[in-house]
Amino acid sequence: MAALGFFFIVLPCLAVISFICFAACRAQQHRAFRLLAYGCLAAGLLCGLTPIAVLLWASTL
């Protein structure tokens, strides 16, 4: 049960936080913040798409 909570509660929350971080860093003018923004975007996509991948994997069992 703890694994389900991690995949379907914690990871989507982390995805939202990462997308907010992406937006905040993207709004900055310095180049380092723009590079950090794309790191946050990648982390957000990974966290956001993992529950979908788990559902697809579980449907094949």
N, C-alpha and C. Protein backbone atom coordinates (compact mmCIF):
# COMPACT_ATOMS: atom_id res chain seq x y z
N MET A 1 0.80 -1.19 0.00
CA MET A 1 0.00 0.00 0.00
C MET A 1 0.85 1.26 0.00
N ALA A 2 1.98 1.20 0.67
CA ALA A 2 2.84 2.39 0.72
C ALA A 2 3.36 2.74 -0.67
N ALA A 3 3.62 1.73 -1.47
CA ALA A 3 4.11 1.98 -2.83
C ALA A 3 3.04 2.69 -3.67
N LEU A 4 1.80 2.30 -3.49
CA LEU A 4 0.73 2.97 -4.23
C LEU A 4 0.59 4.42 -3.82
N GLY A 5 0.74 4.69 -2.53
CA GLY A 5 0.70 6.06 -2.06
C GLY A 5 1.83 6.88 -2.63
N PHE A 6 2.98 6.26 -2.74
CA PHE A 6 4.13 6.97 -3.32
C PHE A 6 3.89 7.29 -4.78
N PHE A 7 3.43 6.31 -5.55
CA PHE A 7 3.27 6.51 -6.98
C PHE A 7 2.11 7.44 -7.33
N PHE A 8 1.03 7.40 -6.55
CA PHE A 8 -0.16 8.13 -6.95
C PHE A 8 -0.46 9.36 -6.10
N ILE A 9 0.31 9.61 -5.05
CA ILE A 9 0.11 10.81 -4.24
C ILE A 9 1.37 11.66 -4.22
N VAL A 10 2.48 11.07 -3.84
CA VAL A 10 3.72 11.83 -3.66
C VAL A 10 4.29 12.30 -5.00
N LEU A 11 4.37 11.42 -5.98
CA LEU A 11 4.97 11.81 -7.26
C LEU A 11 4.17 12.91 -7.98
N PRO A 12 2.83 12.86 -8.03
CA PRO A 12 2.12 14.00 -8.63
C PRO A 12 2.33 15.31 -7.88
N CYS A 13 2.45 15.24 -6.55
CA CYS A 13 2.73 16.46 -5.78
C CYS A 13 4.10 17.01 -6.13
N LEU A 14 5.08 16.12 -6.25
CA LEU A 14 6.42 16.56 -6.66
C LEU A 14 6.41 17.13 -8.07
N ALA A 15 5.57 16.59 -8.93
CA ALA A 15 5.47 17.12 -10.29
C ALA A 15 4.94 18.55 -10.28
N VAL A 16 3.93 18.81 -9.47
CA VAL A 16 3.38 20.17 -9.38
C VAL A 16 4.43 21.13 -8.86
N ILE A 17 5.16 20.72 -7.82
CA ILE A 17 6.22 21.56 -7.27
C ILE A 17 7.30 21.82 -8.30
N SER A 18 7.66 20.81 -9.07
CA SER A 18 8.68 20.99 -10.10
C SER A 18 8.22 21.93 -11.20
N PHE A 19 6.94 21.86 -11.57
CA PHE A 19 6.44 22.77 -12.60
C PHE A 19 6.39 24.22 -12.09
N ILE A 20 6.09 24.40 -10.81
CA ILE A 20 6.13 25.75 -10.23
C ILE A 20 7.56 26.26 -10.22
N CYS A 21 8.50 25.39 -9.86
CA CYS A 21 9.92 25.76 -9.88
C CYS A 21 10.36 26.10 -11.30
N PHE A 22 9.87 25.35 -12.28
CA PHE A 22 10.19 25.64 -13.68
C PHE A 22 9.72 27.03 -14.07
N ALA A 23 8.49 27.37 -13.70
CA ALA A 23 7.94 28.68 -14.06
C ALA A 23 8.70 29.80 -13.36
N ALA A 24 9.05 29.61 -12.10
CA ALA A 24 9.76 30.65 -11.36
C ALA A 24 11.17 30.85 -11.90
N CYS A 25 11.86 29.77 -12.21
CA CYS A 25 13.22 29.88 -12.73
C CYS A 25 13.23 30.41 -14.16
N ARG A 26 12.21 30.06 -14.92
CA ARG A 26 12.14 30.51 -16.32
C ARG A 26 11.93 32.02 -16.40
N ALA A 27 11.29 32.59 -15.39
CA ALA A 27 11.02 34.03 -15.38
C ALA A 27 12.25 34.85 -15.06
N GLN A 28 13.29 34.23 -14.54
CA GLN A 28 14.52 34.96 -14.19
C GLN A 28 15.32 35.28 -15.45
N GLN A 29 16.17 36.28 -15.35
CA GLN A 29 16.93 36.73 -16.52
C GLN A 29 18.28 36.03 -16.66
N HIS A 30 18.84 35.54 -15.57
CA HIS A 30 20.18 34.96 -15.61
C HIS A 30 20.15 33.60 -16.30
N ARG A 31 21.21 33.27 -17.04
CA ARG A 31 21.26 32.04 -17.81
C ARG A 31 21.25 30.80 -16.91
N ALA A 32 21.89 30.88 -15.75
CA ALA A 32 21.94 29.72 -14.86
C ALA A 32 20.53 29.32 -14.40
N PHE A 33 19.65 30.29 -14.18
CA PHE A 33 18.29 29.97 -13.78
C PHE A 33 17.53 29.30 -14.92
N ARG A 34 17.84 29.69 -16.13
CA ARG A 34 17.16 29.04 -17.26
C ARG A 34 17.59 27.59 -17.40
N LEU A 35 18.85 27.30 -17.14
CA LEU A 35 19.31 25.91 -17.16
C LEU A 35 18.67 25.12 -16.02
N LEU A 36 18.55 25.73 -14.85
CA LEU A 36 17.89 25.10 -13.73
C LEU A 36 16.41 24.86 -14.03
N ALA A 37 15.82 25.77 -14.78
CA ALA A 37 14.41 25.62 -15.14
C ALA A 37 14.18 24.36 -15.96
N TYR A 38 15.07 24.07 -16.89
CA TYR A 38 14.88 22.86 -17.69
C TYR A 38 15.14 21.60 -16.88
N GLY A 39 15.99 21.68 -15.87
CA GLY A 39 16.15 20.56 -14.95
C GLY A 39 14.87 20.31 -14.16
N CYS A 40 14.23 21.39 -13.72
CA CYS A 40 12.95 21.26 -13.01
C CYS A 40 11.87 20.72 -13.93
N LEU A 41 11.88 21.14 -15.18
CA LEU A 41 10.90 20.63 -16.14
C LEU A 41 11.07 19.13 -16.35
N ALA A 42 12.30 18.70 -16.50
CA ALA A 42 12.57 17.27 -16.69
C ALA A 42 12.13 16.46 -15.47
N ALA A 43 12.42 16.97 -14.28
CA ALA A 43 12.00 16.28 -13.06
C ALA A 43 10.47 16.24 -12.95
N GLY A 44 9.82 17.33 -13.31
CA GLY A 44 8.36 17.38 -13.26
C GLY A 44 7.72 16.40 -14.23
N LEU A 45 8.26 16.31 -15.43
CA LEU A 45 7.73 15.36 -16.40
C LEU A 45 7.94 13.92 -15.94
N LEU A 46 9.10 13.66 -15.38
CA LEU A 46 9.38 12.31 -14.88
C LEU A 46 8.43 11.94 -13.76
N CYS A 47 8.25 12.84 -12.81
CA CYS A 47 7.34 12.58 -11.69
C CYS A 47 5.88 12.51 -12.15
N GLY A 48 5.53 13.31 -13.13
CA GLY A 48 4.15 13.33 -13.59
C GLY A 48 3.77 12.14 -14.46
N LEU A 49 4.71 11.62 -15.20
CA LEU A 49 4.40 10.52 -16.11
C LEU A 49 4.62 9.15 -15.50
N THR A 50 5.30 9.07 -14.37
CA THR A 50 5.55 7.78 -13.73
C THR A 50 4.26 7.09 -13.30
N PRO A 51 3.28 7.78 -12.69
CA PRO A 51 2.04 7.07 -12.34
C PRO A 51 1.31 6.50 -13.56
N ILE A 52 1.39 7.19 -14.68
CA ILE A 52 0.77 6.67 -15.90
C ILE A 52 1.49 5.42 -16.37
N ALA A 53 2.81 5.44 -16.28
CA ALA A 53 3.58 4.25 -16.66
C ALA A 53 3.28 3.08 -15.74
N VAL A 54 3.08 3.34 -14.46
CA VAL A 54 2.75 2.28 -13.51
C VAL A 54 1.38 1.69 -13.84
N LEU A 55 0.42 2.55 -14.19
CA LEU A 55 -0.90 2.04 -14.57
C LEU A 55 -0.83 1.20 -15.84
N LEU A 56 -0.06 1.65 -16.81
CA LEU A 56 0.08 0.86 -18.05
C LEU A 56 0.76 -0.47 -17.78
N TRP A 57 1.78 -0.46 -16.93
CA TRP A 57 2.48 -1.68 -16.58
C TRP A 57 1.55 -2.64 -15.84
N ALA A 58 0.76 -2.09 -14.91
CA ALA A 58 -0.14 -2.93 -14.12
C ALA A 58 -1.25 -3.53 -14.99
N SER A 59 -1.63 -2.84 -16.04
CA SER A 59 -2.70 -3.36 -16.90
C SER A 59 -2.22 -4.51 -17.78
N THR A 60 -0.92 -4.67 -17.92
CA THR A 60 -0.40 -5.76 -18.73
C THR A 60 -0.19 -7.04 -17.92
N LEU A 61 -0.32 -6.94 -16.60
CA LEU A 61 -0.10 -8.14 -15.77
C LEU A 61 -1.24 -9.12 -15.87
